[in-house]
Amino acid sequence: MFIPLYDTNKLRHIRLQYVTIGLIVVNTLIYLATTLGGENFANAAVLGLGFIPSVVHDKVELAPQFVVIPESLSYITYSFLHADIFHLGGNMLFLWVFGDNVEDALGHIRYLIFYLLCAIAGAFFQGLVAWDSQVPLIGASGAIAGVVAAYLILYPRVKVWVLAFARIPLRIPAFIPLILWIIFQVAMFAAGGEDQVSWATHVGGIIAGAVLVLILRRRGIPLLAAADEAPAVATDPALIAPEPVASEQPAAQSAPRWGRASAPD
């Protein structure tokens, strides 16, 4: 429907979104490692690190050769695995466009906590609706859904460049593509969409992101902001330079050099 390309939302509290960049790098490196390791290695990684509801809920035991981490850790590790380059690229594109400003609004540490909690919430919700499923869940979609929900709450009026229907470039307020994206996820979940996509994970991430951003955002960060608008004009009299007035001195004297002593360098 919409492919995000770029937003006009500048960073205001951090110099560099290094958590977002780090997450993209880690996801990419893990994908390359599992891909270059061959099909057997990739399958073992999915079984050992993916989230399998029936295994986590002790309905089924995983074969010993695939047990590499405690089962509870798969609530997080699944989110760093991806099925193919398109799966990885789509998730990382959303993270690159929207993650930096959420990181800016939360701060580095709280943003990382936020991201991981959204991933956990996505897996948890998937586990609730598919309690006995033996299908491994992989992908960062739950965490990304949380980032999208947080961005929508924080910056709905910021202009973003998107490709509509993967062809038409448009510059539109963020709330248009993001609300439509969220509605689509919820609708597909309610309709029981295709089995290859875990819509429940997306819904769980959306709910977590919408709640957590209210709790974890920096003090003073407004909601529903338009961060790309021009700053308000200063109204503090102390910040406004005085205007020169007509001189009453004789014409032969030099006019005073107004504001020289108080003007900033």
C-alpha atoms as a PDB file:
ATOM      1  CA  MET A   1       0.000   0.000   0.000  1.00  0.00           C
ATOM      2  CA  PHE A   2       2.605   2.569   1.140  1.00  0.00           C
ATOM      3  CA  ILE A   3       6.391   2.178   1.222  1.00  0.00           C
ATOM      4  CA  PRO A   4       8.023   4.785   3.507  1.00  0.00           C
ATOM      5  CA  LEU A   5      11.078   6.530   2.072  1.00  0.00           C
ATOM      6  CA  TYR A   6      11.953   9.565   4.160  1.00  0.00           C
ATOM      7  CA  ASP A   7      10.543  11.960   6.753  1.00  0.00           C
ATOM      8  CA  THR A   8      11.261  15.619   7.475  1.00  0.00           C
ATOM      9  CA  ASN A   9      11.475  15.114  11.231  1.00  0.00           C
ATOM     10  CA  LYS A  10      14.818  16.316  12.619  1.00  0.00           C
ATOM     11  CA  LEU A  11      16.529  14.944  15.722  1.00  0.00           C
ATOM     12  CA  ARG A  12      16.224  17.355  18.639  1.00  0.00           C
ATOM     13  CA  HIS A  13      17.602  15.568  21.701  1.00  0.00           C
ATOM     14  CA  ILE A  14      20.264  13.186  20.390  1.00  0.00           C
ATOM     15  CA  ARG A  15      23.128  13.635  17.951  1.00  0.00           C
ATOM     16  CA  LEU A  16      22.908  10.195  16.348  1.00  0.00           C
ATOM     17  CA  GLN A  17      20.337   7.406  16.449  1.00  0.00           C
ATOM     18  CA  TYR A  18      22.965   4.788  17.227  1.00  0.00           C
ATOM     19  CA  VAL A  19      20.502   2.308  18.781  1.00  0.00           C
ATOM     20  CA  THR A  20      18.413   2.291  15.612  1.00  0.00           C
ATOM     21  CA  ILE A  21      21.535   1.936  13.483  1.00  0.00           C
ATOM     22  CA  GLY A  22      22.838  -0.805  15.771  1.00  0.00           C
ATOM     23  CA  LEU A  23      19.579  -2.753  15.502  1.00  0.00           C
ATOM     24  CA  ILE A  24      19.690  -2.542  11.719  1.00  0.00           C
ATOM     25  CA  VAL A  25      23.312  -3.703  11.663  1.00  0.00           C
ATOM     26  CA  VAL A  26      22.663  -6.613  14.049  1.00  0.00           C
ATOM     27  CA  ASN A  27      19.600  -7.783  12.117  1.00  0.00           C
ATOM     28  CA  THR A  28      21.518  -7.596   8.845  1.00  0.00           C
ATOM     29  CA  LEU A  29      24.566  -9.445  10.176  1.00  0.00           C
ATOM     30  CA  ILE A  30      22.436 -12.223  11.647  1.00  0.00           C
ATOM     31  CA  TYR A  31      20.583 -12.580   8.370  1.00  0.00           C
ATOM     32  CA  LEU A  32      23.864 -12.804   6.452  1.00  0.00           C
ATOM     33  CA  ALA A  33      25.249 -15.344   8.930  1.00  0.00           C
ATOM     34  CA  THR A  34      22.214 -17.608   8.694  1.00  0.00           C
ATOM     35  CA  THR A  35      22.080 -17.281   4.911  1.00  0.00           C
ATOM     36  CA  LEU A  36      25.774 -17.930   4.328  1.00  0.00           C
ATOM     37  CA  GLY A  37      25.663 -20.853   6.759  1.00  0.00           C
ATOM     38  CA  GLY A  38      23.506 -22.817   4.372  1.00  0.00           C
ATOM     39  CA  GLU A  39      19.967 -24.185   4.494  1.00  0.00           C
ATOM     40  CA  ASN A  40      20.585 -26.630   7.343  1.00  0.00           C
ATOM     41  CA  PHE A  41      22.178 -23.945   9.500  1.00  0.00           C
ATOM     42  CA  ALA A  42      19.337 -21.522   8.740  1.00  0.00           C
ATOM     43  CA  ASN A  43      16.706 -24.120   9.652  1.00  0.00           C
ATOM     44  CA  ALA A  44      18.523 -24.932  12.891  1.00  0.00           C
ATOM     45  CA  ALA A  45      18.642 -21.219  13.750  1.00  0.00           C
ATOM     46  CA  VAL A  46      14.912 -20.846  13.132  1.00  0.00           C
ATOM     47  CA  LEU A  47      14.096 -23.832  15.337  1.00  0.00           C
ATOM     48  CA  GLY A  48      16.576 -22.933  18.041  1.00  0.00           C
ATOM     49  CA  LEU A  49      16.040 -19.165  18.167  1.00  0.00           C
ATOM     50  CA  GLY A  50      12.549 -18.706  16.734  1.00  0.00           C
ATOM     51  CA  PHE A  51       9.479 -18.367  18.941  1.00  0.00           C
ATOM     52  CA  ILE A  52       7.477 -21.620  18.884  1.00  0.00           C
ATOM     53  CA  PRO A  53       4.322 -21.318  21.035  1.00  0.00           C
ATOM     54  CA  SER A  54       3.884 -25.035  21.644  1.00  0.00           C
ATOM     55  CA  VAL A  55       7.495 -25.326  22.833  1.00  0.00           C
ATOM     56  CA  VAL A  56       7.336 -22.264  25.079  1.00  0.00           C
ATOM     57  CA  HIS A  57       4.058 -23.509  26.563  1.00  0.00           C
ATOM     58  CA  ASP A  58       5.544 -26.978  27.174  1.00  0.00           C
ATOM     59  CA  LYS A  59       3.173 -28.725  24.792  1.00  0.00           C
ATOM     60  CA  VAL A  60       6.010 -30.026  22.633  1.00  0.00           C
ATOM     61  CA  GLU A  61       9.687 -30.637  23.360  1.00  0.00           C
ATOM     62  CA  LEU A  62      12.297 -29.381  20.969  1.00  0.00           C
ATOM     63  CA  ALA A  63      14.863 -31.913  19.778  1.00  0.00           C
ATOM     64  CA  PRO A  64      18.012 -31.635  21.936  1.00  0.00           C
ATOM     65  CA  GLN A  65      20.249 -30.592  19.026  1.00  0.00           C
ATOM     66  CA  PHE A  66      18.135 -27.477  18.548  1.00  0.00           C
ATOM     67  CA  VAL A  67      18.093 -26.368  22.175  1.00  0.00           C
ATOM     68  CA  VAL A  68      20.619 -23.508  22.245  1.00  0.00           C
ATOM     69  CA  ILE A  69      18.928 -20.982  24.549  1.00  0.00           C
ATOM     70  CA  PRO A  70      16.366 -21.027  27.371  1.00  0.00           C
ATOM     71  CA  GLU A  71      12.865 -21.131  25.874  1.00  0.00           C
ATOM     72  CA  SER A  72      11.904 -17.792  27.426  1.00  0.00           C
ATOM     73  CA  LEU A  73      14.651 -15.981  25.511  1.00  0.00           C
ATOM     74  CA  SER A  74      12.951 -16.829  22.235  1.00  0.00           C
ATOM     75  CA  TYR A  75      10.477 -14.019  23.024  1.00  0.00           C
ATOM     76  CA  ILE A  76      13.358 -11.758  21.935  1.00  0.00           C
ATOM     77  CA  THR A  77      15.664 -13.812  19.718  1.00  0.00           C
ATOM     78  CA  TYR A  78      12.947 -14.548  17.151  1.00  0.00           C
ATOM     79  CA  SER A  79      12.849 -10.853  16.252  1.00  0.00           C
ATOM     80  CA  PHE A  80      16.426 -10.919  14.911  1.00  0.00           C
ATOM     81  CA  LEU A  81      15.762 -13.666  12.347  1.00  0.00           C
ATOM     82  CA  HIS A  82      14.292 -13.115   8.894  1.00  0.00           C
ATOM     83  CA  ALA A  83      13.080 -15.456   6.202  1.00  0.00           C
ATOM     84  CA  ASP A  84      14.501 -13.654   3.157  1.00  0.00           C
ATOM     85  CA  ILE A  85      15.975 -10.380   1.970  1.00  0.00           C
ATOM     86  CA  PHE A  86      12.546  -8.844   1.342  1.00  0.00           C
ATOM     87  CA  HIS A  87      11.395  -9.716   4.850  1.00  0.00           C
ATOM     88  CA  LEU A  88      14.530  -8.132   6.269  1.00  0.00           C
ATOM     89  CA  GLY A  89      14.510  -5.119   3.932  1.00  0.00           C
ATOM     90  CA  GLY A  90      10.901  -4.196   4.611  1.00  0.00           C
ATOM     91  CA  ASN A  91      11.336  -4.281   8.374  1.00  0.00           C
ATOM     92  CA  MET A  92      14.630  -2.392   8.335  1.00  0.00           C
ATOM     93  CA  LEU A  93      13.248   0.290   6.025  1.00  0.00           C
ATOM     94  CA  PHE A  94      10.414   1.029   8.453  1.00  0.00           C
ATOM     95  CA  LEU A  95      12.901   1.037  11.327  1.00  0.00           C
ATOM     96  CA  TRP A  96      15.249   3.440   9.498  1.00  0.00           C
ATOM     97  CA  VAL A  97      12.514   5.940   8.591  1.00  0.00           C
ATOM     98  CA  PHE A  98      10.602   5.980  11.886  1.00  0.00           C
ATOM     99  CA  GLY A  99      12.936   4.576  14.525  1.00  0.00           C
ATOM    100  CA  ASP A 100      15.303   7.542  14.809  1.00  0.00           C
ATOM    101  CA  ASN A 101      12.620   9.974  15.968  1.00  0.00           C
ATOM    102  CA  VAL A 102      11.147   7.506  18.444  1.00  0.00           C
ATOM    103  CA  GLU A 103      14.666   7.026  19.799  1.00  0.00           C
ATOM    104  CA  ASP A 104      15.010  10.806  19.968  1.00  0.00           C
ATOM    105  CA  ALA A 105      11.772  11.104  21.955  1.00  0.00           C
ATOM    106  CA  LEU A 106      12.579   8.286  24.389  1.00  0.00           C
ATOM    107  CA  GLY A 107      16.355   8.422  24.740  1.00  0.00           C
ATOM    108  CA  HIS A 108      18.775   5.655  23.785  1.00  0.00           C
ATOM    109  CA  ILE A 109      18.354   3.261  26.711  1.00  0.00           C
ATOM    110  CA  ARG A 110      14.592   3.582  27.052  1.00  0.00           C
ATOM    111  CA  TYR A 111      14.227   3.216  23.293  1.00  0.00           C
ATOM    112  CA  LEU A 112      16.117  -0.075  23.328  1.00  0.00           C
ATOM    113  CA  ILE A 113      13.934  -1.278  26.196  1.00  0.00           C
ATOM    114  CA  PHE A 114      10.869  -0.105  24.275  1.00  0.00           C
ATOM    115  CA  TYR A 115      11.947  -1.977  21.140  1.00  0.00           C
ATOM    116  CA  LEU A 116      12.572  -5.249  22.973  1.00  0.00           C
ATOM    117  CA  LEU A 117       9.326  -4.997  24.943  1.00  0.00           C
ATOM    118  CA  CYS A 118       7.382  -4.503  21.716  1.00  0.00           C
ATOM    119  CA  ALA A 119       9.058  -7.614  20.290  1.00  0.00           C
ATOM    120  CA  ILE A 120       8.123  -9.546  23.435  1.00  0.00           C
ATOM    121  CA  ALA A 121       4.539  -8.285  23.252  1.00  0.00           C
ATOM    122  CA  GLY A 122       4.262  -9.385  19.630  1.00  0.00           C
ATOM    123  CA  ALA A 123       5.392 -12.914  20.452  1.00  0.00           C
ATOM    124  CA  PHE A 124       3.217 -13.027  23.568  1.00  0.00           C
ATOM    125  CA  PHE A 125       0.101 -12.080  21.602  1.00  0.00           C
ATOM    126  CA  GLN A 126       0.918 -14.632  18.927  1.00  0.00           C
ATOM    127  CA  GLY A 127       1.294 -17.242  21.648  1.00  0.00           C
ATOM    128  CA  LEU A 128      -2.128 -16.353  23.052  1.00  0.00           C
ATOM    129  CA  VAL A 129      -3.989 -16.761  19.771  1.00  0.00           C
ATOM    130  CA  ALA A 130      -1.989 -19.798  18.593  1.00  0.00           C
ATOM    131  CA  TRP A 131      -1.226 -21.553  21.879  1.00  0.00           C
ATOM    132  CA  ASP A 132      -0.438 -24.969  20.405  1.00  0.00           C
ATOM    133  CA  SER A 133       1.216 -23.810  17.181  1.00  0.00           C
ATOM    134  CA  GLN A 134       4.417 -25.603  16.179  1.00  0.00           C
ATOM    135  CA  VAL A 135       5.251 -23.046  13.495  1.00  0.00           C
ATOM    136  CA  PRO A 136       8.319 -20.926  14.400  1.00  0.00           C
ATOM    137  CA  LEU A 137       7.732 -17.200  14.512  1.00  0.00           C
ATOM    138  CA  ILE A 138      10.581 -15.042  13.162  1.00  0.00           C
ATOM    139  CA  GLY A 139      11.029 -11.411  12.137  1.00  0.00           C
ATOM    140  CA  ALA A 140      11.207  -7.947  13.679  1.00  0.00           C
ATOM    141  CA  SER A 141       7.641  -7.087  12.679  1.00  0.00           C
ATOM    142  CA  GLY A 142       6.307  -6.998  16.243  1.00  0.00           C
ATOM    143  CA  ALA A 143       8.963  -4.511  17.337  1.00  0.00           C
ATOM    144  CA  ILE A 144       8.563  -2.472  14.136  1.00  0.00           C
ATOM    145  CA  ALA A 145       4.800  -2.318  14.664  1.00  0.00           C
ATOM    146  CA  GLY A 146       5.463  -0.817  18.080  1.00  0.00           C
ATOM    147  CA  VAL A 147       7.752   1.793  16.535  1.00  0.00           C
ATOM    148  CA  VAL A 148       5.086   2.691  13.966  1.00  0.00           C
ATOM    149  CA  ALA A 149       2.428   3.090  16.676  1.00  0.00           C
ATOM    150  CA  ALA A 150       4.748   5.271  18.760  1.00  0.00           C
ATOM    151  CA  TYR A 151       5.624   7.496  15.787  1.00  0.00           C
ATOM    152  CA  LEU A 152       1.943   7.933  14.966  1.00  0.00           C
ATOM    153  CA  ILE A 153       1.206   9.075  18.529  1.00  0.00           C
ATOM    154  CA  LEU A 154       4.216  11.385  18.684  1.00  0.00           C
ATOM    155  CA  TYR A 155       4.389  12.907  15.191  1.00  0.00           C
ATOM    156  CA  PRO A 156       1.174  12.336  13.203  1.00  0.00           C
ATOM    157  CA  ARG A 157       1.445  15.600  11.223  1.00  0.00           C
ATOM    158  CA  VAL A 158       5.070  15.321  10.153  1.00  0.00           C
ATOM    159  CA  LYS A 159       5.419  15.069   6.383  1.00  0.00           C
ATOM    160  CA  VAL A 160       6.768  11.791   5.029  1.00  0.00           C
ATOM    161  CA  TRP A 161       7.727  10.712   1.524  1.00  0.00           C
ATOM    162  CA  VAL A 162       6.124   7.422   0.534  1.00  0.00           C
ATOM    163  CA  LEU A 163       5.643   5.317  -2.556  1.00  0.00           C
ATOM    164  CA  ALA A 164       1.927   4.724  -2.968  1.00  0.00           C
ATOM    165  CA  PHE A 165       1.234   1.330  -4.525  1.00  0.00           C
ATOM    166  CA  ALA A 166       5.039   0.989  -4.889  1.00  0.00           C
ATOM    167  CA  ARG A 167       4.992   3.453  -7.797  1.00  0.00           C
ATOM    168  CA  ILE A 168       3.695   6.931  -6.964  1.00  0.00           C
ATOM    169  CA  PRO A 169       5.907   9.200  -4.793  1.00  0.00           C
ATOM    170  CA  LEU A 170       3.866  11.324  -2.400  1.00  0.00           C
ATOM    171  CA  ARG A 171       4.692  13.728   0.439  1.00  0.00           C
ATOM    172  CA  ILE A 172       1.851  13.427   2.932  1.00  0.00           C
ATOM    173  CA  PRO A 173       1.250  13.719   6.690  1.00  0.00           C
ATOM    174  CA  ALA A 174       2.469  10.646   8.544  1.00  0.00           C
ATOM    175  CA  PHE A 175      -0.931   9.834  10.008  1.00  0.00           C
ATOM    176  CA  ILE A 176      -2.333   8.921   6.584  1.00  0.00           C
ATOM    177  CA  PRO A 177      -0.065   5.964   5.714  1.00  0.00           C
ATOM    178  CA  LEU A 178       0.453   4.905   9.339  1.00  0.00           C
ATOM    179  CA  ILE A 179      -3.234   4.781  10.271  1.00  0.00           C
ATOM    180  CA  LEU A 180      -3.989   2.903   7.060  1.00  0.00           C
ATOM    181  CA  TRP A 181      -1.141   0.485   7.819  1.00  0.00           C
ATOM    182  CA  ILE A 182      -2.428  -0.168  11.339  1.00  0.00           C
ATOM    183  CA  ILE A 183      -6.017  -0.618  10.129  1.00  0.00           C
ATOM    184  CA  PHE A 184      -4.792  -3.123   7.570  1.00  0.00           C
ATOM    185  CA  GLN A 185      -2.919  -5.156  10.213  1.00  0.00           C
ATOM    186  CA  VAL A 186      -5.929  -5.250  12.528  1.00  0.00           C
ATOM    187  CA  ALA A 187      -8.306  -6.109   9.668  1.00  0.00           C
ATOM    188  CA  MET A 188      -6.114  -8.965   8.456  1.00  0.00           C
ATOM    189  CA  PHE A 189      -5.826 -10.300  11.997  1.00  0.00           C
ATOM    190  CA  ALA A 190      -9.601 -10.137  12.500  1.00  0.00           C
ATOM    191  CA  ALA A 191     -10.205 -11.830   9.154  1.00  0.00           C
ATOM    192  CA  GLY A 192      -7.672 -14.582   9.833  1.00  0.00           C
ATOM    193  CA  GLY A 193      -5.323 -13.611   7.001  1.00  0.00           C
ATOM    194  CA  GLU A 194      -2.692 -15.721   5.289  1.00  0.00           C
ATOM    195  CA  ASP A 195      -0.745 -18.132   7.486  1.00  0.00           C
ATOM    196  CA  GLN A 196       2.699 -16.936   6.351  1.00  0.00           C
ATOM    197  CA  VAL A 197       2.217 -13.576   8.091  1.00  0.00           C
ATOM    198  CA  SER A 198       1.627 -13.402  11.829  1.00  0.00           C
ATOM    199  CA  TRP A 199      -0.895 -10.575  12.032  1.00  0.00           C
ATOM    200  CA  ALA A 200      -1.309 -11.261  15.741  1.00  0.00           C
ATOM    201  CA  THR A 201       2.341 -10.354  16.292  1.00  0.00           C
ATOM    202  CA  HIS A 202       1.802  -7.039  14.519  1.00  0.00           C
ATOM    203  CA  VAL A 203      -1.277  -6.278  16.617  1.00  0.00           C
ATOM    204  CA  GLY A 204       0.552  -7.139  19.819  1.00  0.00           C
ATOM    205  CA  GLY A 205       3.419  -4.840  18.867  1.00  0.00           C
ATOM    206  CA  ILE A 206       1.033  -2.013  17.972  1.00  0.00           C
ATOM    207  CA  ILE A 207      -0.731  -2.215  21.334  1.00  0.00           C
ATOM    208  CA  ALA A 208       2.547  -2.352  23.244  1.00  0.00           C
ATOM    209  CA  GLY A 209       4.057   0.544  21.308  1.00  0.00           C
ATOM    210  CA  ALA A 210       1.013   2.767  21.838  1.00  0.00           C
ATOM    211  CA  VAL A 211       1.069   2.159  25.595  1.00  0.00           C
ATOM    212  CA  LEU A 212       4.823   2.171  26.196  1.00  0.00           C
ATOM    213  CA  VAL A 213       5.500   5.439  24.362  1.00  0.00           C
ATOM    214  CA  LEU A 214       3.218   7.215  26.833  1.00  0.00           C
ATOM    215  CA  ILE A 215       5.243   5.813  29.732  1.00  0.00           C
ATOM    216  CA  LEU A 216       8.800   5.945  28.389  1.00  0.00           C
ATOM    217  CA  ARG A 217       8.939   9.215  26.454  1.00  0.00           C
ATOM    218  CA  ARG A 218      11.116  12.029  27.775  1.00  0.00           C
ATOM    219  CA  ARG A 219       9.546  14.512  30.146  1.00  0.00           C
ATOM    220  CA  GLY A 220       8.099  17.398  28.176  1.00  0.00           C
ATOM    221  CA  ILE A 221       7.841  15.545  24.861  1.00  0.00           C
ATOM    222  CA  PRO A 222       4.390  16.459  23.480  1.00  0.00           C
ATOM    223  CA  LEU A 223       1.998  14.079  21.809  1.00  0.00           C
ATOM    224  CA  LEU A 224       0.466  14.597  18.367  1.00  0.00           C
ATOM    225  CA  ALA A 225       3.222  17.046  17.437  1.00  0.00           C
ATOM    226  CA  ALA A 226       4.201  18.463  14.072  1.00  0.00           C
ATOM    227  CA  ALA A 227       7.957  18.477  14.566  1.00  0.00           C
ATOM    228  CA  ASP A 228       8.721  19.803  11.094  1.00  0.00           C
ATOM    229  CA  GLU A 229       6.938  23.089  11.715  1.00  0.00           C
ATOM    230  CA  ALA A 230       8.995  26.265  12.164  1.00  0.00           C
ATOM    231  CA  PRO A 231       9.784  27.165  15.790  1.00  0.00           C
ATOM    232  CA  ALA A 232       7.481  29.674  17.448  1.00  0.00           C
ATOM    233  CA  VAL A 233       8.598  33.322  17.456  1.00  0.00           C
ATOM    234  CA  ALA A 234      10.111  34.395  20.777  1.00  0.00           C
ATOM    235  CA  THR A 235       7.826  36.600  22.880  1.00  0.00           C
ATOM    236  CA  ASP A 236      10.102  37.198  25.882  1.00  0.00           C
ATOM    237  CA  PRO A 237      10.933  40.921  25.882  1.00  0.00           C
ATOM    238  CA  ALA A 238      14.437  40.133  27.113  1.00  0.00           C
ATOM    239  CA  LEU A 239      15.057  38.140  23.919  1.00  0.00           C
ATOM    240  CA  ILE A 240      13.869  40.830  21.530  1.00  0.00           C
ATOM    241  CA  ALA A 241      16.465  43.409  20.467  1.00  0.00           C
ATOM    242  CA  PRO A 242      15.290  47.036  20.856  1.00  0.00           C
ATOM    243  CA  GLU A 243      14.582  48.979  17.681  1.00  0.00           C
ATOM    244  CA  PRO A 244      16.494  52.255  17.130  1.00  0.00           C
ATOM    245  CA  VAL A 245      14.628  55.511  17.667  1.00  0.00           C
ATOM    246  CA  ALA A 246      15.134  58.809  15.908  1.00  0.00           C
ATOM    247  CA  SER A 247      18.158  60.705  17.216  1.00  0.00           C
ATOM    248  CA  GLU A 248      17.602  64.117  18.834  1.00  0.00           C
ATOM    249  CA  GLN A 249      21.316  65.012  18.742  1.00  0.00           C
ATOM    250  CA  PRO A 250      22.706  67.698  16.427  1.00  0.00           C
ATOM    251  CA  ALA A 251      23.259  66.575  12.890  1.00  0.00           C
ATOM    252  CA  ALA A 252      27.031  67.084  13.207  1.00  0.00           C
ATOM    253  CA  GLN A 253      27.323  64.294  15.806  1.00  0.00           C
ATOM    254  CA  SER A 254      27.594  60.617  14.918  1.00  0.00           C
ATOM    255  CA  ALA A 255      24.447  58.556  15.404  1.00  0.00           C
ATOM    256  CA  PRO A 256      24.704  56.010  18.246  1.00  0.00           C
ATOM    257  CA  ARG A 257      25.549  52.436  17.195  1.00  0.00           C
ATOM    258  CA  TRP A 258      22.346  50.839  18.458  1.00  0.00           C
ATOM    259  CA  GLY A 259      22.574  47.482  20.208  1.00  0.00           C
ATOM    260  CA  ARG A 260      26.328  47.063  19.691  1.00  0.00           C
ATOM    261  CA  ALA A 261      27.038  46.330  23.347  1.00  0.00           C
ATOM    262  CA  SER A 262      24.257  43.747  23.639  1.00  0.00           C
ATOM    263  CA  ALA A 263      24.330  42.157  20.204  1.00  0.00           C
ATOM    264  CA  PRO A 264      25.481  38.511  20.107  1.00  0.00           C
ATOM    265  CA  ASP A 265      28.673  37.608  18.281  1.00  0.00           C
END
